[in-house]
PDB file of all heavy atoms in Angstrom:
ATOM      1  N   LYS A   1     123.242 107.607 179.797  1.00  0.00           N
ATOM      2  CA  LYS A   1     122.824 106.572 180.775  1.00  0.00           C
ATOM      3  C   LYS A   1     122.535 105.233 179.981  1.00  0.00           C
ATOM      4  O   LYS A   1     121.418 104.736 179.992  1.00  0.00           O
ATOM      5  CB  LYS A   1     121.457 107.043 181.398  1.00  0.00           C
ATOM      6  CG  LYS A   1     121.621 108.374 182.155  1.00  0.00           C
ATOM      7  CD  LYS A   1     120.295 108.933 182.718  1.00  0.00           C
ATOM      8  CE  LYS A   1     120.397 110.222 183.458  1.00  0.00           C
ATOM      9  NZ  LYS A   1     119.051 110.694 183.895  1.00  0.00           N
ATOM     10  N   PRO A   2     123.641 104.738 179.399  1.00  0.00           N
ATOM     11  CA  PRO A   2     123.582 103.623 178.517  1.00  0.00           C
ATOM     12  C   PRO A   2     123.118 102.229 179.264  1.00  0.00           C
ATOM     13  O   PRO A   2     123.609 102.039 180.393  1.00  0.00           O
ATOM     14  CB  PRO A   2     124.916 103.485 178.006  1.00  0.00           C
ATOM     15  CG  PRO A   2     125.826 103.928 179.053  1.00  0.00           C
ATOM     16  CD  PRO A   2     125.048 105.079 179.657  1.00  0.00           C
ATOM     17  N   GLU A   3     122.368 101.470 178.534  1.00  0.00           N
ATOM     18  CA  GLU A   3     122.093 100.075 179.036  1.00  0.00           C
ATOM     19  C   GLU A   3     123.177  99.228 178.437  1.00  0.00           C
ATOM     20  O   GLU A   3     123.658  98.308 179.060  1.00  0.00           O
ATOM     21  CB  GLU A   3     120.743  99.698 178.496  1.00  0.00           C
ATOM     22  CG  GLU A   3     120.325  98.225 178.837  1.00  0.00           C
ATOM     23  CD  GLU A   3     118.900  97.938 178.352  1.00  0.00           C
ATOM     24  OE1 GLU A   3     118.075  98.794 178.420  1.00  0.00           O
ATOM     25  OE2 GLU A   3     118.728  96.788 177.776  1.00  0.00           O
ATOM     26  N   ARG A   4     123.670  99.483 177.239  1.00  0.00           N
ATOM     27  CA  ARG A   4     124.709  98.850 176.611  1.00  0.00           C
ATOM     28  C   ARG A   4     125.141  99.645 175.384  1.00  0.00           C
ATOM     29  O   ARG A   4     124.345 100.426 174.875  1.00  0.00           O
ATOM     30  CB  ARG A   4     124.392  97.400 176.193  1.00  0.00           C
ATOM     31  CG  ARG A   4     123.297  97.346 175.097  1.00  0.00           C
ATOM     32  CD  ARG A   4     123.285  95.925 174.467  1.00  0.00           C
ATOM     33  NE  ARG A   4     122.148  95.709 173.551  1.00  0.00           N
ATOM     34  CZ  ARG A   4     122.224  96.146 172.283  1.00  0.00           C
ATOM     35  NH1 ARG A   4     123.243  96.814 171.694  1.00  0.00           N
ATOM     36  NH2 ARG A   4     121.155  95.903 171.471  1.00  0.00           N
ATOM     37  N   PRO A   5     126.249  99.438 174.780  1.00  0.00           N
ATOM     38  CA  PRO A   5     126.675 100.139 173.515  1.00  0.00           C
ATOM     39  C   PRO A   5     125.704  99.659 172.377  1.00  0.00           C
ATOM     40  O   PRO A   5     125.183  98.516 172.424  1.00  0.00           O
ATOM     41  CB  PRO A   5     128.085  99.601 173.278  1.00  0.00           C
ATOM     42  CG  PRO A   5     128.579  99.118 174.591  1.00  0.00           C
ATOM     43  CD  PRO A   5     127.355  98.605 175.286  1.00  0.00           C
ATOM     44  N   VAL A   6     125.457 100.527 171.410  1.00  0.00           N
ATOM     45  CA  VAL A   6     124.703 100.212 170.291  1.00  0.00           C
ATOM     46  C   VAL A   6     125.653 100.124 169.080  1.00  0.00           C
ATOM     47  O   VAL A   6     126.724 100.570 169.031  1.00  0.00           O
ATOM     48  CB  VAL A   6     123.596 101.316 169.961  1.00  0.00           C
ATOM     49  CG1 VAL A   6     122.529 101.296 171.023  1.00  0.00           C
ATOM     50  CG2 VAL A   6     124.201 102.644 169.799  1.00  0.00           C
ATOM     51  N   VAL A   7     125.166  99.363 168.054  1.00  0.00           N
ATOM     52  CA  VAL A   7     125.875  99.063 166.829  1.00  0.00           C
ATOM     53  C   VAL A   7     125.030  99.442 165.651  1.00  0.00           C
ATOM     54  O   VAL A   7     123.916  99.077 165.521  1.00  0.00           O
ATOM     55  CB  VAL A   7     126.251  97.576 166.764  1.00  0.00           C
ATOM     56  CG1 VAL A   7     126.988  97.264 165.439  1.00  0.00           C
ATOM     57  CG2 VAL A   7     127.136  97.150 167.877  1.00  0.00           C
ATOM     58  N   MET A   8     125.576 100.237 164.775  1.00  0.00           N
ATOM     59  CA  MET A   8     124.933 100.675 163.596  1.00  0.00           C
ATOM     60  C   MET A   8     125.862 100.344 162.367  1.00  0.00           C
ATOM     61  O   MET A   8     127.009 100.322 162.392  1.00  0.00           O
ATOM     62  CB  MET A   8     124.640 102.168 163.558  1.00  0.00           C
ATOM     63  CG  MET A   8     123.625 102.614 164.605  1.00  0.00           C
ATOM     64  SD  MET A   8     123.531 104.409 164.717  1.00  0.00           S
ATOM     65  CE  MET A   8     123.277 104.862 162.926  1.00  0.00           C
ATOM     66  N   ILE A   9     125.177 100.162 161.257  1.00  0.00           N
ATOM     67  CA  ILE A   9     125.901  99.931 159.885  1.00  0.00           C
ATOM     68  C   ILE A   9     125.262 100.923 158.978  1.00  0.00           C
ATOM     69  O   ILE A   9     124.089 101.014 158.725  1.00  0.00           O
ATOM     70  CB  ILE A   9     125.742  98.511 159.406  1.00  0.00           C
ATOM     71  CG1 ILE A   9     126.298  97.538 160.340  1.00  0.00           C
ATOM     72  CG2 ILE A   9     126.373  98.424 157.960  1.00  0.00           C
ATOM     73  CD1 ILE A   9     126.212  96.073 159.937  1.00  0.00           C
ATOM     74  N   ASP A  10     126.032 101.839 158.390  1.00  0.00           N
ATOM     75  CA  ASP A  10     125.623 103.004 157.568  1.00  0.00           C
ATOM     76  C   ASP A  10     126.559 103.096 156.389  1.00  0.00           C
ATOM     77  O   ASP A  10     127.634 102.426 156.291  1.00  0.00           O
ATOM     78  CB  ASP A  10     125.623 104.289 158.391  1.00  0.00           C
ATOM     79  CG  ASP A  10     124.703 105.298 157.828  1.00  0.00           C
ATOM     80  OD1 ASP A  10     124.059 105.044 156.757  1.00  0.00           O
ATOM     81  OD2 ASP A  10     124.388 106.325 158.475  1.00  0.00           O
ATOM     82  N   GLU A  11     126.184 103.841 155.340  1.00  0.00           N
ATOM     83  CA  GLU A  11     126.862 104.119 154.131  1.00  0.00           C
ATOM     84  C   GLU A  11     127.338 102.782 153.442  1.00  0.00           C
ATOM     85  O   GLU A  11     128.464 102.572 153.225  1.00  0.00           O
ATOM     86  CB  GLU A  11     128.036 104.977 154.448  1.00  0.00           C
ATOM     87  CG  GLU A  11     127.641 106.374 155.012  1.00  0.00           C
ATOM     88  CD  GLU A  11     128.846 107.353 155.180  1.00  0.00           C
ATOM     89  OE1 GLU A  11     129.897 106.933 155.513  1.00  0.00           O
ATOM     90  OE2 GLU A  11     128.611 108.590 155.012  1.00  0.00           O
ATOM     91  N   VAL A  12     126.250 101.921 153.262  1.00  0.00           N
ATOM     92  CA  VAL A  12     126.457 100.667 152.712  1.00  0.00           C
ATOM     93  C   VAL A  12     126.641 100.851 151.070  1.00  0.00           C
ATOM     94  O   VAL A  12     126.037 101.650 150.518  1.00  0.00           O
ATOM     95  CB  VAL A  12     125.310  99.772 152.913  1.00  0.00           C
ATOM     96  CG1 VAL A  12     125.400  98.418 152.104  1.00  0.00           C
ATOM     97  CG2 VAL A  12     125.162  99.473 154.449  1.00  0.00           C
ATOM     98  N   PRO A  13     127.631 100.044 150.419  1.00  0.00           N
ATOM     99  CA  PRO A  13     127.658 100.077 149.058  1.00  0.00           C
ATOM    100  C   PRO A  13     126.566  99.452 148.251  1.00  0.00           C
ATOM    101  O   PRO A  13     126.776  98.322 147.803  1.00  0.00           O
ATOM    102  CB  PRO A  13     129.056  99.479 148.769  1.00  0.00           C
ATOM    103  CG  PRO A  13     129.196  98.526 149.842  1.00  0.00           C
ATOM    104  CD  PRO A  13     128.559  99.146 151.116  1.00  0.00           C
ATOM    105  N   TRP A  14     125.410 100.089 148.202  1.00  0.00           N
ATOM    106  CA  TRP A  14     124.201  99.358 147.795  1.00  0.00           C
ATOM    107  C   TRP A  14     124.344  98.960 146.328  1.00  0.00           C
ATOM    108  O   TRP A  14     123.776  98.045 145.847  1.00  0.00           O
ATOM    109  CB  TRP A  14     123.051 100.267 147.912  1.00  0.00           C
ATOM    110  CG  TRP A  14     122.611 100.541 149.364  1.00  0.00           C
ATOM    111  CD1 TRP A  14     122.823 101.549 150.130  1.00  0.00           C
ATOM    112  CD2 TRP A  14     121.975  99.526 150.236  1.00  0.00           C
ATOM    113  NE1 TRP A  14     122.327 101.400 151.370  1.00  0.00           N
ATOM    114  CE2 TRP A  14     121.846 100.155 151.487  1.00  0.00           C
ATOM    115  CE3 TRP A  14     121.599  98.210 149.956  1.00  0.00           C
ATOM    116  CZ2 TRP A  14     121.249  99.472 152.546  1.00  0.00           C
ATOM    117  CZ3 TRP A  14     120.983  97.577 151.106  1.00  0.00           C
ATOM    118  CH2 TRP A  14     120.710  98.122 152.367  1.00  0.00           C
ATOM    119  N   ASN A  15     125.202  99.593 145.512  1.00  0.00           N
ATOM    120  CA  ASN A  15     125.410  99.295 144.120  1.00  0.00           C
ATOM    121  C   ASN A  15     125.875  97.806 143.993  1.00  0.00           C
ATOM    122  O   ASN A  15     125.652  97.212 142.935  1.00  0.00           O
ATOM    123  CB  ASN A  15     126.384 100.246 143.504  1.00  0.00           C
ATOM    124  CG  ASN A  15     127.615 100.243 144.157  1.00  0.00           C
ATOM    125  OD1 ASN A  15     127.817 100.681 145.281  1.00  0.00           O
ATOM    126  ND2 ASN A  15     128.700  99.736 143.449  1.00  0.00           N
ATOM    127  N   GLU A  16     126.565  97.305 144.995  1.00  0.00           N
ATOM    128  CA  GLU A  16     127.030  95.938 144.927  1.00  0.00           C
ATOM    129  C   GLU A  16     126.055  94.953 145.066  1.00  0.00           C
ATOM    130  O   GLU A  16     126.331  93.743 144.839  1.00  0.00           O
ATOM    131  CB  GLU A  16     128.214  95.762 145.917  1.00  0.00           C
ATOM    132  CG  GLU A  16     129.430  96.702 145.582  1.00  0.00           C
ATOM    133  CD  GLU A  16     130.605  96.422 146.525  1.00  0.00           C
ATOM    134  OE1 GLU A  16     130.478  95.640 147.426  1.00  0.00           O
ATOM    135  OE2 GLU A  16     131.624  97.043 146.332  1.00  0.00           O
ATOM    136  N   PHE A  17     124.886  95.373 145.589  1.00  0.00           N
ATOM    137  CA  PHE A  17     123.711  94.328 145.884  1.00  0.00           C
ATOM    138  C   PHE A  17     122.679  94.486 144.964  1.00  0.00           C
ATOM    139  O   PHE A  17     121.549  93.926 145.195  1.00  0.00           O
ATOM    140  CB  PHE A  17     123.249  94.521 147.330  1.00  0.00           C
ATOM    141  CG  PHE A  17     124.400  94.405 148.352  1.00  0.00           C
ATOM    142  CD1 PHE A  17     124.447  95.272 149.433  1.00  0.00           C
ATOM    143  CD2 PHE A  17     125.382  93.427 148.184  1.00  0.00           C
ATOM    144  CE1 PHE A  17     125.465  95.125 150.369  1.00  0.00           C
ATOM    145  CE2 PHE A  17     126.370  93.343 149.202  1.00  0.00           C
ATOM    146  CZ  PHE A  17     126.430  94.205 150.263  1.00  0.00           C
ATOM    147  N   ARG A  18     122.737  95.248 143.894  1.00  0.00           N
ATOM    148  CA  ARG A  18     121.655  95.503 143.035  1.00  0.00           C
ATOM    149  C   ARG A  18     121.040  94.274 142.309  1.00  0.00           C
ATOM    150  O   ARG A  18     119.892  94.297 141.900  1.00  0.00           O
ATOM    151  CB  ARG A  18     122.054  96.542 141.914  1.00  0.00           C
ATOM    152  CG  ARG A  18     122.954  95.838 140.871  1.00  0.00           C
ATOM    153  CD  ARG A  18     123.071  96.806 139.665  1.00  0.00           C
ATOM    154  NE  ARG A  18     124.312  97.510 139.681  1.00  0.00           N
ATOM    155  CZ  ARG A  18     124.523  98.654 139.185  1.00  0.00           C
ATOM    156  NH1 ARG A  18     123.577  99.211 138.384  1.00  0.00           N
ATOM    157  NH2 ARG A  18     125.643  99.308 139.263  1.00  0.00           N
ATOM    158  N   ASP A  19     121.796  93.206 142.219  1.00  0.00           N
ATOM    159  CA  ASP A  19     121.257  92.025 141.585  1.00  0.00           C
ATOM    160  C   ASP A  19     120.462  91.145 142.509  1.00  0.00           C
ATOM    161  O   ASP A  19     119.765  90.119 142.135  1.00  0.00           O
ATOM    162  CB  ASP A  19     122.401  91.177 141.016  1.00  0.00           C
ATOM    163  CG  ASP A  19     123.088  91.889 139.858  1.00  0.00           C
ATOM    164  OD1 ASP A  19     122.445  92.584 139.140  1.00  0.00           O
ATOM    165  OD2 ASP A  19     124.313  91.588 139.598  1.00  0.00           O
ATOM    166  N   HIS A  20     120.421  91.497 143.741  1.00  0.00           N
ATOM    167  CA  HIS A  20     119.544  90.823 144.715  1.00  0.00           C
ATOM    168  C   HIS A  20     118.114  91.074 144.475  1.00  0.00           C
ATOM    169  O   HIS A  20     117.652  92.231 144.297  1.00  0.00           O
ATOM    170  CB  HIS A  20     119.812  91.281 146.217  1.00  0.00           C
ATOM    171  CG  HIS A  20     121.090  90.646 146.794  1.00  0.00           C
ATOM    172  ND1 HIS A  20     121.081  89.616 147.600  1.00  0.00           N
ATOM    173  CD2 HIS A  20     122.377  90.920 146.542  1.00  0.00           C
ATOM    174  CE1 HIS A  20     122.323  89.231 147.908  1.00  0.00           C
ATOM    175  NE2 HIS A  20     123.150  90.067 147.245  1.00  0.00           N
ATOM    176  N   GLU A  21     117.297  90.079 144.330  1.00  0.00           N
ATOM    177  CA  GLU A  21     115.939  90.269 143.927  1.00  0.00           C
ATOM    178  C   GLU A  21     115.147  91.143 144.912  1.00  0.00           C
ATOM    179  O   GLU A  21     114.271  91.894 144.417  1.00  0.00           O
ATOM    180  CB  GLU A  21     115.215  88.828 143.894  1.00  0.00           C
ATOM    181  CG  GLU A  21     113.939  88.797 143.015  1.00  0.00           C
ATOM    182  CD  GLU A  21     114.193  89.012 141.622  1.00  0.00           C
ATOM    183  OE1 GLU A  21     115.262  88.642 141.132  1.00  0.00           O
ATOM    184  OE2 GLU A  21     113.351  89.645 140.981  1.00  0.00           O
ATOM    185  N   GLU A  22     115.529  91.142 146.125  1.00  0.00           N
ATOM    186  CA  GLU A  22     114.741  91.914 147.115  1.00  0.00           C
ATOM    187  C   GLU A  22     114.991  93.399 146.944  1.00  0.00           C
ATOM    188  O   GLU A  22     114.185  94.176 147.446  1.00  0.00           O
ATOM    189  CB  GLU A  22     115.377  91.557 148.489  1.00  0.00           C
ATOM    190  CG  GLU A  22     115.165  90.160 148.891  1.00  0.00           C
ATOM    191  CD  GLU A  22     116.108  89.633 149.990  1.00  0.00           C
ATOM    192  OE1 GLU A  22     115.926  89.947 151.168  1.00  0.00           O
ATOM    193  OE2 GLU A  22     117.199  89.085 149.663  1.00  0.00           O
ATOM    194  N   LEU A  23     116.040  93.834 146.215  1.00  0.00           N
ATOM    195  CA  LEU A  23     116.336  95.243 145.977  1.00  0.00           C
ATOM    196  C   LEU A  23     115.973  95.782 144.651  1.00  0.00           C
ATOM    197  O   LEU A  23     116.155  96.932 144.355  1.00  0.00           O
ATOM    198  CB  LEU A  23     117.867  95.471 146.223  1.00  0.00           C
ATOM    199  CG  LEU A  23     118.250  95.313 147.719  1.00  0.00           C
ATOM    200  CD1 LEU A  23     119.780  95.504 147.827  1.00  0.00           C
ATOM    201  CD2 LEU A  23     117.722  96.326 148.624  1.00  0.00           C
ATOM    202  N   LYS A  24     115.485  94.847 143.724  1.00  0.00           N
ATOM    203  CA  LYS A  24     115.163  95.386 142.365  1.00  0.00           C
ATOM    204  C   LYS A  24     113.908  96.147 142.422  1.00  0.00           C
ATOM    205  O   LYS A  24     112.752  95.718 142.821  1.00  0.00           O
ATOM    206  CB  LYS A  24     114.978  94.134 141.403  1.00  0.00           C
ATOM    207  CG  LYS A  24     116.332  93.425 141.169  1.00  0.00           C
ATOM    208  CD  LYS A  24     116.150  92.351 140.230  1.00  0.00           C
ATOM    209  CE  LYS A  24     117.482  91.618 139.868  1.00  0.00           C
ATOM    210  NZ  LYS A  24     117.349  90.475 138.878  1.00  0.00           N
ATOM    211  N   LEU A  25     113.959  97.394 141.883  1.00  0.00           N
ATOM    212  CA  LEU A  25     112.844  98.322 141.852  1.00  0.00           C
ATOM    213  C   LEU A  25     111.862  97.889 140.799  1.00  0.00           C
ATOM    214  O   LEU A  25     112.224  97.518 139.681  1.00  0.00           O
ATOM    215  CB  LEU A  25     113.322  99.710 141.579  1.00  0.00           C
ATOM    216  CG  LEU A  25     114.279 100.341 142.647  1.00  0.00           C
ATOM    217  CD1 LEU A  25     114.661 101.725 142.324  1.00  0.00           C
ATOM    218  CD2 LEU A  25     113.599 100.267 144.008  1.00  0.00           C
TER     219      LEU A  25
END
């Protein structure tokens, strides 16, 4: 009983963003 289609983004190559300050552990 959809209101509209949904959009998801999954299985992201996180290793490529490791230098982003927001992701540094």
